[in-house]
Amino acid sequence: MSEEQVAWTATPYRAPVLDSAGEEIGTAESLMGDEAEDIFHGLAVKLKHGGRMVELTAEHIQKITTEHVYTNLGGDQLDGLPDYKEEKWFHLGWGGIFRKHPKWERE
């Protein structure tokens, strides 16, 4: 099956997130956006090395497909990403869409 580009609201749960060289840097853990207004702010990504949860803003996301999230980040830019703080996004009314989507189940 080939990869097809999808809307941000269809981002696969825990999809591999790739850097600009195509190397896996982590997994998509939560969406940051306003579903009602269809405004995408980015993703919460769990980094592959170290397990830190970071905010990856929409400006760094080139494409979302049925299999991967493609970014414009180089591997050397990961340390500069801010830590993801769930309470910040819920306070603003954004984020956590993965948790409320009915077809996804917790592992």
PDB file of N, CA and C in Angstrom:
ATOM      1  N   MET A   1       0.840  -1.175   0.000  1.00  0.00           N
ATOM      2  CA  MET A   1       0.000   0.000   0.000  1.00  0.00           C
ATOM      3  C   MET A   1       0.891   1.246   0.000  1.00  0.00           C
ATOM      4  N   SER A   2       0.617   2.166  -0.875  1.00  0.00           N
ATOM      5  CA  SER A   2       1.420   3.379  -0.944  1.00  0.00           C
ATOM      6  C   SER A   2       0.891   4.423   0.036  1.00  0.00           C
ATOM      7  N   GLU A   3       1.783   5.322   0.395  1.00  0.00           N
ATOM      8  CA  GLU A   3       1.411   6.390   1.319  1.00  0.00           C
ATOM      9  C   GLU A   3       0.566   7.421   0.594  1.00  0.00           C
ATOM     10  N   GLU A   4      -0.487   7.858   1.257  1.00  0.00           N
ATOM     11  CA  GLU A   4      -1.319   8.922   0.721  1.00  0.00           C
ATOM     12  C   GLU A   4      -1.294  10.077   1.704  1.00  0.00           C
ATOM     13  N   GLN A   5      -1.243  11.289   1.186  1.00  0.00           N
ATOM     14  CA  GLN A   5      -1.280  12.456   2.056  1.00  0.00           C
ATOM     15  C   GLN A   5      -2.671  12.567   2.674  1.00  0.00           C
ATOM     16  N   VAL A   6      -2.715  12.938   3.969  1.00  0.00           N
ATOM     17  CA  VAL A   6      -3.976  13.065   4.691  1.00  0.00           C
ATOM     18  C   VAL A   6      -4.036  14.417   5.399  1.00  0.00           C
ATOM     19  N   ALA A   7      -5.235  14.790   5.803  1.00  0.00           N
ATOM     20  CA  ALA A   7      -5.426  16.009   6.583  1.00  0.00           C
ATOM     21  C   ALA A   7      -4.834  15.824   7.977  1.00  0.00           C
ATOM     22  N   TRP A   8      -4.531  16.928   8.636  1.00  0.00           N
ATOM     23  CA  TRP A   8      -3.921  16.851   9.972  1.00  0.00           C
ATOM     24  C   TRP A   8      -4.797  16.098  10.950  1.00  0.00           C
ATOM     25  N   THR A   9      -6.109  16.185  10.806  1.00  0.00           N
ATOM     26  CA  THR A   9      -7.010  15.486  11.733  1.00  0.00           C
ATOM     27  C   THR A   9      -6.988  13.979  11.536  1.00  0.00           C
ATOM     28  N   ALA A  10      -6.405  13.515  10.431  1.00  0.00           N
ATOM     29  CA  ALA A  10      -6.299  12.079  10.159  1.00  0.00           C
ATOM     30  C   ALA A  10      -4.888  11.555  10.420  1.00  0.00           C
ATOM     31  N   THR A  11      -4.071  12.321  11.127  1.00  0.00           N
ATOM     32  CA  THR A  11      -2.717  11.878  11.460  1.00  0.00           C
ATOM     33  C   THR A  11      -2.786  10.537  12.183  1.00  0.00           C
ATOM     34  N   PRO A  12      -2.083   9.521  11.684  1.00  0.00           N
ATOM     35  CA  PRO A  12      -2.113   8.223  12.368  1.00  0.00           C
ATOM     36  C   PRO A  12      -1.504   8.319  13.775  1.00  0.00           C
ATOM     37  N   TYR A  13      -2.174   7.718  14.733  1.00  0.00           N
ATOM     38  CA  TYR A  13      -1.686   7.696  16.113  1.00  0.00           C
ATOM     39  C   TYR A  13      -0.350   6.985  16.165  1.00  0.00           C
ATOM     40  N   ARG A  14       0.615   7.646  16.794  1.00  0.00           N
ATOM     41  CA  ARG A  14       1.982   7.144  16.939  1.00  0.00           C
ATOM     42  C   ARG A  14       2.673   6.891  15.601  1.00  0.00           C
ATOM     43  N   ALA A  15       2.319   7.688  14.602  1.00  0.00           N
ATOM     44  CA  ALA A  15       3.002   7.600  13.308  1.00  0.00           C
ATOM     45  C   ALA A  15       4.466   7.983  13.484  1.00  0.00           C
ATOM     46  N   PRO A  16       5.374   7.307  12.801  1.00  0.00           N
ATOM     47  CA  PRO A  16       6.771   7.708  12.840  1.00  0.00           C
ATOM     48  C   PRO A  16       6.937   9.115  12.270  1.00  0.00           C
ATOM     49  N   VAL A  17       7.714   9.935  12.978  1.00  0.00           N
ATOM     50  CA  VAL A  17       8.014  11.295  12.542  1.00  0.00           C
ATOM     51  C   VAL A  17       9.437  11.278  12.003  1.00  0.00           C
ATOM     52  N   LEU A  18       9.601  11.786  10.778  1.00  0.00           N
ATOM     53  CA  LEU A  18      10.888  11.721  10.094  1.00  0.00           C
ATOM     54  C   LEU A  18      11.512  13.100   9.977  1.00  0.00           C
ATOM     55  N   ASP A  19      12.852  13.157  10.070  1.00  0.00           N
ATOM     56  CA  ASP A  19      13.550  14.427   9.876  1.00  0.00           C
ATOM     57  C   ASP A  19      13.732  14.677   8.380  1.00  0.00           C
ATOM     58  N   SER A  20      14.403  15.754   8.030  1.00  0.00           N
ATOM     59  CA  SER A  20      14.553  16.125   6.626  1.00  0.00           C
ATOM     60  C   SER A  20      15.364  15.113   5.817  1.00  0.00           C
ATOM     61  N   ALA A  21      16.149  14.272   6.494  1.00  0.00           N
ATOM     62  CA  ALA A  21      16.930  13.241   5.815  1.00  0.00           C
ATOM     63  C   ALA A  21      16.176  11.909   5.724  1.00  0.00           C
ATOM     64  N   GLY A  22      14.941  11.864   6.262  1.00  0.00           N
ATOM     65  CA  GLY A  22      14.152  10.644   6.221  1.00  0.00           C
ATOM     66  C   GLY A  22      14.402   9.697   7.380  1.00  0.00           C
ATOM     67  N   GLU A  23      15.167  10.143   8.381  1.00  0.00           N
ATOM     68  CA  GLU A  23      15.450   9.323   9.562  1.00  0.00           C
ATOM     69  C   GLU A  23      14.338   9.513  10.600  1.00  0.00           C
ATOM     70  N   GLU A  24      13.949   8.422  11.243  1.00  0.00           N
ATOM     71  CA  GLU A  24      12.903   8.517  12.263  1.00  0.00           C
ATOM     72  C   GLU A  24      13.445   9.228  13.504  1.00  0.00           C
ATOM     73  N   ILE A  25      12.731  10.277  13.926  1.00  0.00           N
ATOM     74  CA  ILE A  25      13.149  11.028  15.107  1.00  0.00           C
ATOM     75  C   ILE A  25      12.221  10.797  16.291  1.00  0.00           C
ATOM     76  N   GLY A  26      11.059  10.215  16.051  1.00  0.00           N
ATOM     77  CA  GLY A  26      10.116   9.980  17.141  1.00  0.00           C
ATOM     78  C   GLY A  26       8.762   9.558  16.614  1.00  0.00           C
ATOM     79  N   THR A  27       7.744   9.648  17.496  1.00  0.00           N
ATOM     80  CA  THR A  27       6.385   9.268  17.136  1.00  0.00           C
ATOM     81  C   THR A  27       5.401  10.377  17.506  1.00  0.00           C
ATOM     82  N   ALA A  28       4.363  10.502  16.698  1.00  0.00           N
ATOM     83  CA  ALA A  28       3.309  11.488  16.940  1.00  0.00           C
ATOM     84  C   ALA A  28       2.428  10.983  18.082  1.00  0.00           C
ATOM     85  N   GLU A  29       2.378  11.740  19.176  1.00  0.00           N
ATOM     86  CA  GLU A  29       1.630  11.312  20.360  1.00  0.00           C
ATOM     87  C   GLU A  29       0.339  12.090  20.584  1.00  0.00           C
ATOM     88  N   SER A  30       0.280  13.328  20.119  1.00  0.00           N
ATOM     89  CA  SER A  30      -0.932  14.119  20.297  1.00  0.00           C
ATOM     90  C   SER A  30      -0.944  15.246  19.274  1.00  0.00           C
ATOM     91  N   LEU A  31      -2.148  15.614  18.834  1.00  0.00           N
ATOM     92  CA  LEU A  31      -2.320  16.733  17.916  1.00  0.00           C
ATOM     93  C   LEU A  31      -2.511  18.015  18.695  1.00  0.00           C
ATOM     94  N   MET A  32      -1.988  19.099  18.163  1.00  0.00           N
ATOM     95  CA  MET A  32      -2.197  20.416  18.756  1.00  0.00           C
ATOM     96  C   MET A  32      -2.930  21.243  17.708  1.00  0.00           C
ATOM     97  N   GLY A  33      -4.199  21.472  17.929  1.00  0.00           N
ATOM     98  CA  GLY A  33      -4.970  22.221  16.963  1.00  0.00           C
ATOM     99  C   GLY A  33      -6.386  22.453  17.449  1.00  0.00           C
ATOM    100  N   ASP A  34      -7.105  23.227  16.701  1.00  0.00           N
ATOM    101  CA  ASP A  34      -8.502  23.521  16.991  1.00  0.00           C
ATOM    102  C   ASP A  34      -9.321  22.817  15.919  1.00  0.00           C
ATOM    103  N   GLU A  35      -9.879  21.667  16.284  1.00  0.00           N
ATOM    104  CA  GLU A  35     -10.604  20.849  15.325  1.00  0.00           C
ATOM    105  C   GLU A  35     -11.840  21.583  14.790  1.00  0.00           C
ATOM    106  N   ALA A  36     -12.551  22.317  15.643  1.00  0.00           N
ATOM    107  CA  ALA A  36     -13.766  23.020  15.226  1.00  0.00           C
ATOM    108  C   ALA A  36     -13.460  24.095  14.187  1.00  0.00           C
ATOM    109  N   GLU A  37     -12.333  24.767  14.330  1.00  0.00           N
ATOM    110  CA  GLU A  37     -11.943  25.837  13.404  1.00  0.00           C
ATOM    111  C   GLU A  37     -11.004  25.347  12.303  1.00  0.00           C
ATOM    112  N   ASP A  38     -10.624  24.064  12.354  1.00  0.00           N
ATOM    113  CA  ASP A  38      -9.690  23.455  11.404  1.00  0.00           C
ATOM    114  C   ASP A  38      -8.378  24.237  11.330  1.00  0.00           C
ATOM    115  N   ILE A  39      -7.815  24.495  12.513  1.00  0.00           N
ATOM    116  CA  ILE A  39      -6.532  25.183  12.609  1.00  0.00           C
ATOM    117  C   ILE A  39      -5.526  24.223  13.228  1.00  0.00           C
ATOM    118  N   PHE A  40      -4.474  23.915  12.477  1.00  0.00           N
ATOM    119  CA  PHE A  40      -3.439  22.985  12.921  1.00  0.00           C
ATOM    120  C   PHE A  40      -2.256  23.764  13.479  1.00  0.00           C
ATOM    121  N   HIS A  41      -1.902  23.465  14.729  1.00  0.00           N
ATOM    122  CA  HIS A  41      -0.776  24.141  15.374  1.00  0.00           C
ATOM    123  C   HIS A  41       0.474  23.281  15.405  1.00  0.00           C
ATOM    124  N   GLY A  42       0.322  21.959  15.382  1.00  0.00           N
ATOM    125  CA  GLY A  42       1.483  21.082  15.397  1.00  0.00           C
ATOM    126  C   GLY A  42       1.193  19.761  16.069  1.00  0.00           C
ATOM    127  N   LEU A  43       2.266  19.101  16.482  1.00  0.00           N
ATOM    128  CA  LEU A  43       2.180  17.786  17.114  1.00  0.00           C
ATOM    129  C   LEU A  43       3.019  17.731  18.375  1.00  0.00           C
ATOM    130  N   ALA A  44       2.576  16.914  19.310  1.00  0.00           N
ATOM    131  CA  ALA A  44       3.427  16.508  20.416  1.00  0.00           C
ATOM    132  C   ALA A  44       4.133  15.242  19.947  1.00  0.00           C
ATOM    133  N   VAL A  45       5.453  15.259  19.997  1.00  0.00           N
ATOM    134  CA  VAL A  45       6.255  14.155  19.483  1.00  0.00           C
ATOM    135  C   VAL A  45       7.119  13.589  20.600  1.00  0.00           C
ATOM    136  N   LYS A  46       7.085  12.269  20.730  1.00  0.00           N
ATOM    137  CA  LYS A  46       7.974  11.592  21.676  1.00  0.00           C
ATOM    138  C   LYS A  46       9.241  11.230  20.909  1.00  0.00           C
ATOM    139  N   LEU A  47      10.357  11.848  21.300  1.00  0.00           N
ATOM    140  CA  LEU A  47      11.609  11.623  20.590  1.00  0.00           C
ATOM    141  C   LEU A  47      12.108  10.197  20.777  1.00  0.00           C
ATOM    142  N   LYS A  48      12.657   9.658  19.729  1.00  0.00           N
ATOM    143  CA  LYS A  48      13.162   8.282  19.721  1.00  0.00           C
ATOM    144  C   LYS A  48      14.318   8.115  20.704  1.00  0.00           C
ATOM    145  N   HIS A  49      15.210   9.089  20.724  1.00  0.00           N
ATOM    146  CA  HIS A  49      16.367   9.019  21.617  1.00  0.00           C
ATOM    147  C   HIS A  49      16.111   9.886  22.841  1.00  0.00           C
ATOM    148  N   GLY A  50      15.976   9.257  23.985  1.00  0.00           N
ATOM    149  CA  GLY A  50      15.760   9.976  25.232  1.00  0.00           C
ATOM    150  C   GLY A  50      14.314  10.014  25.682  1.00  0.00           C
ATOM    151  N   GLY A  51      13.371   9.825  24.762  1.00  0.00           N
ATOM    152  CA  GLY A  51      11.961   9.759  25.130  1.00  0.00           C
ATOM    153  C   GLY A  51      11.323  11.076  25.540  1.00  0.00           C
ATOM    154  N   ARG A  52      12.002  12.189  25.302  1.00  0.00           N
ATOM    155  CA  ARG A  52      11.452  13.497  25.678  1.00  0.00           C
ATOM    156  C   ARG A  52      10.264  13.820  24.782  1.00  0.00           C
ATOM    157  N   MET A  53       9.198  14.407  25.371  1.00  0.00           N
ATOM    158  CA  MET A  53       8.037  14.869  24.606  1.00  0.00           C
ATOM    159  C   MET A  53       8.273  16.322  24.243  1.00  0.00           C
ATOM    160  N   VAL A  54       8.192  16.623  22.943  1.00  0.00           N
ATOM    161  CA  VAL A  54       8.456  17.973  22.461  1.00  0.00           C
ATOM    162  C   VAL A  54       7.291  18.488  21.622  1.00  0.00           C
ATOM    163  N   GLU A  55       7.227  19.811  21.484  1.00  0.00           N
ATOM    164  CA  GLU A  55       6.257  20.443  20.603  1.00  0.00           C
ATOM    165  C   GLU A  55       6.902  20.633  19.244  1.00  0.00           C
ATOM    166  N   LEU A  56       6.249  20.116  18.223  1.00  0.00           N
ATOM    167  CA  LEU A  56       6.700  20.293  16.852  1.00  0.00           C
ATOM    168  C   LEU A  56       5.642  21.143  16.153  1.00  0.00           C
ATOM    169  N   THR A  57       5.961  22.399  15.922  1.00  0.00           N
ATOM    170  CA  THR A  57       4.966  23.315  15.365  1.00  0.00           C
ATOM    171  C   THR A  57       4.700  23.017  13.888  1.00  0.00           C
ATOM    172  N   ALA A  58       3.529  23.451  13.435  1.00  0.00           N
ATOM    173  CA  ALA A  58       3.079  23.177  12.065  1.00  0.00           C
ATOM    174  C   ALA A  58       4.069  23.673  11.019  1.00  0.00           C
ATOM    175  N   GLU A  59       4.788  24.744  11.308  1.00  0.00           N
ATOM    176  CA  GLU A  59       5.743  25.280  10.329  1.00  0.00           C
ATOM    177  C   GLU A  59       6.857  24.290  10.001  1.00  0.00           C
ATOM    178  N   HIS A  60       7.092  23.318  10.884  1.00  0.00           N
ATOM    179  CA  HIS A  60       8.138  22.316  10.654  1.00  0.00           C
ATOM    180  C   HIS A  60       7.609  21.033  10.016  1.00  0.00           C
ATOM    181  N   ILE A  61       6.307  20.951   9.807  1.00  0.00           N
ATOM    182  CA  ILE A  61       5.711  19.737   9.244  1.00  0.00           C
ATOM    183  C   ILE A  61       5.426  19.963   7.770  1.00  0.00           C
ATOM    184  N   GLN A  62       6.103  19.185   6.934  1.00  0.00           N
ATOM    185  CA  GLN A  62       5.954  19.330   5.487  1.00  0.00           C
ATOM    186  C   GLN A  62       4.757  18.565   4.948  1.00  0.00           C
ATOM    187  N   LYS A  63       4.556  17.346   5.482  1.00  0.00           N
ATOM    188  CA  LYS A  63       3.509  16.489   4.939  1.00  0.00           C
ATOM    189  C   LYS A  63       3.144  15.427   5.966  1.00  0.00           C
ATOM    190  N   ILE A  64       1.851  15.083   6.013  1.00  0.00           N
ATOM    191  CA  ILE A  64       1.355  13.987   6.841  1.00  0.00           C
ATOM    192  C   ILE A  64       0.721  12.976   5.898  1.00  0.00           C
ATOM    193  N   THR A  65       1.130  11.713   6.050  1.00  0.00           N
ATOM    194  CA  THR A  65       0.588  10.660   5.191  1.00  0.00           C
ATOM    195  C   THR A  65      -0.051   9.575   6.051  1.00  0.00           C
ATOM    196  N   THR A  66      -0.544   8.553   5.388  1.00  0.00           N
ATOM    197  CA  THR A  66      -1.146   7.413   6.076  1.00  0.00           C
ATOM    198  C   THR A  66      -0.120   6.614   6.866  1.00  0.00           C
ATOM    199  N   GLU A  67       1.172   6.883   6.642  1.00  0.00           N
ATOM    200  CA  GLU A  67       2.232   6.104   7.290  1.00  0.00           C
ATOM    201  C   GLU A  67       3.216   6.919   8.120  1.00  0.00           C
ATOM    202  N   HIS A  68       3.473   8.185   7.739  1.00  0.00           N
ATOM    203  CA  HIS A  68       4.534   8.975   8.367  1.00  0.00           C
ATOM    204  C   HIS A  68       4.157  10.441   8.486  1.00  0.00           C
ATOM    205  N   VAL A  69       4.943  11.149   9.309  1.00  0.00           N
ATOM    206  CA  VAL A  69       4.918  12.607   9.351  1.00  0.00           C
ATOM    207  C   VAL A  69       6.292  13.066   8.894  1.00  0.00           C
ATOM    208  N   TYR A  70       6.325  13.896   7.867  1.00  0.00           N
ATOM    209  CA  TYR A  70       7.573  14.390   7.290  1.00  0.00           C
ATOM    210  C   TYR A  70       7.824  15.813   7.781  1.00  0.00           C
ATOM    211  N   THR A  71       9.047  16.078   8.235  1.00  0.00           N
ATOM    212  CA  THR A  71       9.393  17.407   8.741  1.00  0.00           C
ATOM    213  C   THR A  71      10.548  18.006   7.945  1.00  0.00           C
ATOM    214  N   ASN A  72      10.783  19.289   8.178  1.00  0.00           N
ATOM    215  CA  ASN A  72      11.915  19.977   7.553  1.00  0.00           C
ATOM    216  C   ASN A  72      13.070  20.143   8.530  1.00  0.00           C
ATOM    217  N   LEU A  73      13.019  19.431   9.649  1.00  0.00           N
ATOM    218  CA  LEU A  73      14.048  19.548  10.680  1.00  0.00           C
ATOM    219  C   LEU A  73      15.244  18.652  10.401  1.00  0.00           C
ATOM    220  N   GLY A  74      16.420  19.179  10.676  1.00  0.00           N
ATOM    221  CA  GLY A  74      17.615  18.360  10.680  1.00  0.00           C
ATOM    222  C   GLY A  74      17.760  17.708  12.047  1.00  0.00           C
ATOM    223  N   GLY A  75      18.430  16.586  12.113  1.00  0.00           N
ATOM    224  CA  GLY A  75      18.610  15.896  13.387  1.00  0.00           C
ATOM    225  C   GLY A  75      19.265  16.759  14.446  1.00  0.00           C
ATOM    226  N   ASP A  76      20.072  17.729  14.016  1.00  0.00           N
ATOM    227  CA  ASP A  76      20.764  18.595  14.966  1.00  0.00           C
ATOM    228  C   ASP A  76      19.847  19.671  15.564  1.00  0.00           C
ATOM    229  N   GLN A  77      18.618  19.787  15.087  1.00  0.00           N
ATOM    230  CA  GLN A  77      17.682  20.791  15.592  1.00  0.00           C
ATOM    231  C   GLN A  77      16.762  20.268  16.688  1.00  0.00           C
ATOM    232  N   LEU A  78      16.808  18.983  16.982  1.00  0.00           N
ATOM    233  CA  LEU A  78      15.880  18.383  17.938  1.00  0.00           C
ATOM    234  C   LEU A  78      16.053  18.898  19.355  1.00  0.00           C
ATOM    235  N   ASP A  79      17.288  19.125  19.774  1.00  0.00           N
ATOM    236  CA  ASP A  79      17.540  19.604  21.133  1.00  0.00           C
ATOM    237  C   ASP A  79      16.917  20.973  21.385  1.00  0.00           C
ATOM    238  N   GLY A  80      16.702  21.756  20.331  1.00  0.00           N
ATOM    239  CA  GLY A  80      16.142  23.086  20.476  1.00  0.00           C
ATOM    240  C   GLY A  80      14.626  23.128  20.539  1.00  0.00           C
ATOM    241  N   LEU A  81      13.962  21.984  20.353  1.00  0.00           N
ATOM    242  CA  LEU A  81      12.498  21.965  20.407  1.00  0.00           C
ATOM    243  C   LEU A  81      12.022  22.106  21.851  1.00  0.00           C
ATOM    244  N   PRO A  82      10.949  22.874  22.083  1.00  0.00           N
ATOM    245  CA  PRO A  82      10.448  23.050  23.450  1.00  0.00           C
ATOM    246  C   PRO A  82       9.755  21.788  23.962  1.00  0.00           C
ATOM    247  N   ASP A  83       9.821  21.578  25.266  1.00  0.00           N
ATOM    248  CA  ASP A  83       9.102  20.466  25.884  1.00  0.00           C
ATOM    249  C   ASP A  83       7.605  20.652  25.698  1.00  0.00           C
ATOM    250  N   TYR A  84       6.904  19.551  25.465  1.00  0.00           N
ATOM    251  CA  TYR A  84       5.449  19.580  25.339  1.00  0.00           C
ATOM    252  C   TYR A  84       4.838  19.665  26.733  1.00  0.00           C
ATOM    253  N   LYS A  85       3.933  20.607  26.912  1.00  0.00           N
ATOM    254  CA  LYS A  85       3.219  20.775  28.175  1.00  0.00           C
ATOM    255  C   LYS A  85       1.729  20.697  27.874  1.00  0.00           C
ATOM    256  N   GLU A  86       1.152  19.534  28.147  1.00  0.00           N
ATOM    257  CA  GLU A  86      -0.248  19.266  27.816  1.00  0.00           C
ATOM    258  C   GLU A  86      -1.193  20.305  28.410  1.00  0.00           C
ATOM    259  N   GLU A  87      -0.949  20.696  29.644  1.00  0.00           N
ATOM    260  CA  GLU A  87      -1.858  21.641  30.297  1.00  0.00           C
ATOM    261  C   GLU A  87      -1.908  22.987  29.569  1.00  0.00           C
ATOM    262  N   LYS A  88      -0.832  23.380  28.942  1.00  0.00           N
ATOM    263  CA  LYS A  88      -0.820  24.627  28.166  1.00  0.00           C
ATOM    264  C   LYS A  88      -1.813  24.544  27.018  1.00  0.00           C
ATOM    265  N   TRP A  89      -1.814  23.438  26.307  1.00  0.00           N
ATOM    266  CA  TRP A  89      -2.685  23.294  25.146  1.00  0.00           C
ATOM    267  C   TRP A  89      -4.137  23.110  25.549  1.00  0.00           C
ATOM    268  N   PHE A  90      -4.406  22.393  26.624  1.00  0.00           N
ATOM    269  CA  PHE A  90      -5.791  22.241  27.074  1.00  0.00           C
ATOM    270  C   PHE A  90      -6.332  23.563  27.591  1.00  0.00           C
ATOM    271  N   HIS A  91      -5.503  24.356  28.246  1.00  0.00           N
ATOM    272  CA  HIS A  91      -5.922  25.671  28.733  1.00  0.00           C
ATOM    273  C   HIS A  91      -6.347  26.557  27.562  1.00  0.00           C
ATOM    274  N   LEU A  92      -5.642  26.439  26.440  1.00  0.00           N
ATOM    275  CA  LEU A  92      -5.968  27.224  25.262  1.00  0.00           C
ATOM    276  C   LEU A  92      -7.121  26.627  24.455  1.00  0.00           C
ATOM    277  N   GLY A  93      -7.545  25.417  24.832  1.00  0.00           N
ATOM    278  CA  GLY A  93      -8.631  24.761  24.113  1.00  0.00           C
ATOM    279  C   GLY A  93      -8.169  23.947  22.922  1.00  0.00           C
ATOM    280  N   TRP A  94      -6.877  23.669  22.835  1.00  0.00           N
ATOM    281  CA  TRP A  94      -6.331  22.917  21.718  1.00  0.00           C
ATOM    282  C   TRP A  94      -5.665  21.643  22.228  1.00  0.00           C
ATOM    283  N   GLY A  95      -5.598  20.674  21.362  1.00  0.00           N
ATOM    284  CA  GLY A  95      -4.788  19.485  21.649  1.00  0.00           C
ATOM    285  C   GLY A  95      -5.582  18.317  22.178  1.00  0.00           C
ATOM    286  N   GLY A  96      -4.896  17.198  22.279  1.00  0.00           N
ATOM    287  CA  GLY A  96      -5.487  16.000  22.843  1.00  0.00           C
ATOM    288  C   GLY A  96      -6.475  15.298  21.940  1.00  0.00           C
ATOM    289  N   ILE A  97      -6.479  15.606  20.670  1.00  0.00           N
ATOM    290  CA  ILE A  97      -7.472  15.015  19.773  1.00  0.00           C
ATOM    291  C   ILE A  97      -7.308  13.501  19.686  1.00  0.00           C
ATOM    292  N   PHE A  98      -6.105  12.990  19.775  1.00  0.00           N
ATOM    293  CA  PHE A  98      -5.930  11.540  19.719  1.00  0.00           C
ATOM    294  C   PHE A  98      -6.727  10.844  20.814  1.00  0.00           C
ATOM    295  N   ARG A  99      -6.742  11.398  22.007  1.00  0.00           N
ATOM    296  CA  ARG A  99      -7.417  10.747  23.118  1.00  0.00           C
ATOM    297  C   ARG A  99      -8.931  10.692  22.951  1.00  0.00           C
ATOM    298  N   LYS A 100      -9.524  11.648  22.250  1.00  0.00           N
ATOM    299  CA  LYS A 100     -10.973  11.640  22.148  1.00  0.00           C
ATOM    300  C   LYS A 100     -11.492  11.004  20.864  1.00  0.00           C
ATOM    301  N   HIS A 101     -10.602  10.581  19.985  1.00  0.00           N
ATOM    302  CA  HIS A 101     -11.029   9.968  18.727  1.00  0.00           C
ATOM    303  C   HIS A 101     -11.521   8.549  19.001  1.00  0.00           C
ATOM    304  N   PRO A 102     -12.744   8.224  18.641  1.00  0.00           N
ATOM    305  CA  PRO A 102     -13.340   6.943  19.040  1.00  0.00           C
ATOM    306  C   PRO A 102     -12.688   5.697  18.470  1.00  0.00           C
ATOM    307  N   LYS A 103     -12.015   5.778  17.311  1.00  0.00           N
ATOM    308  CA  LYS A 103     -11.474   4.544  16.741  1.00  0.00           C
ATOM    309  C   LYS A 103     -10.108   4.161  17.282  1.00  0.00           C
ATOM    310  N   TRP A 104      -9.474   5.037  18.063  1.00  0.00           N
ATOM    311  CA  TRP A 104      -8.180   4.708  18.655  1.00  0.00           C
ATOM    312  C   TRP A 104      -8.383   4.138  20.030  1.00  0.00           C
ATOM    313  N   GLU A 105      -7.599   3.142  20.364  1.00  0.00           N
ATOM    314  CA  GLU A 105      -7.679   2.526  21.677  1.00  0.00           C
ATOM    315  C   GLU A 105      -6.346   2.657  22.362  1.00  0.00           C
ATOM    316  N   ARG A 106      -6.382   2.806  23.689  1.00  0.00           N
ATOM    317  CA  ARG A 106      -5.139   2.860  24.452  1.00  0.00           C
ATOM    318  C   ARG A 106      -4.507   1.478  24.460  1.00  0.00           C
ATOM    319  N   GLU A 107      -3.180   1.481  24.393  1.00  0.00           N
ATOM    320  CA  GLU A 107      -2.465   0.203  24.423  1.00  0.00           C
ATOM    321  C   GLU A 107      -2.086  -0.138  25.853  1.00  0.00           C
TER     322      GLU A 107
END
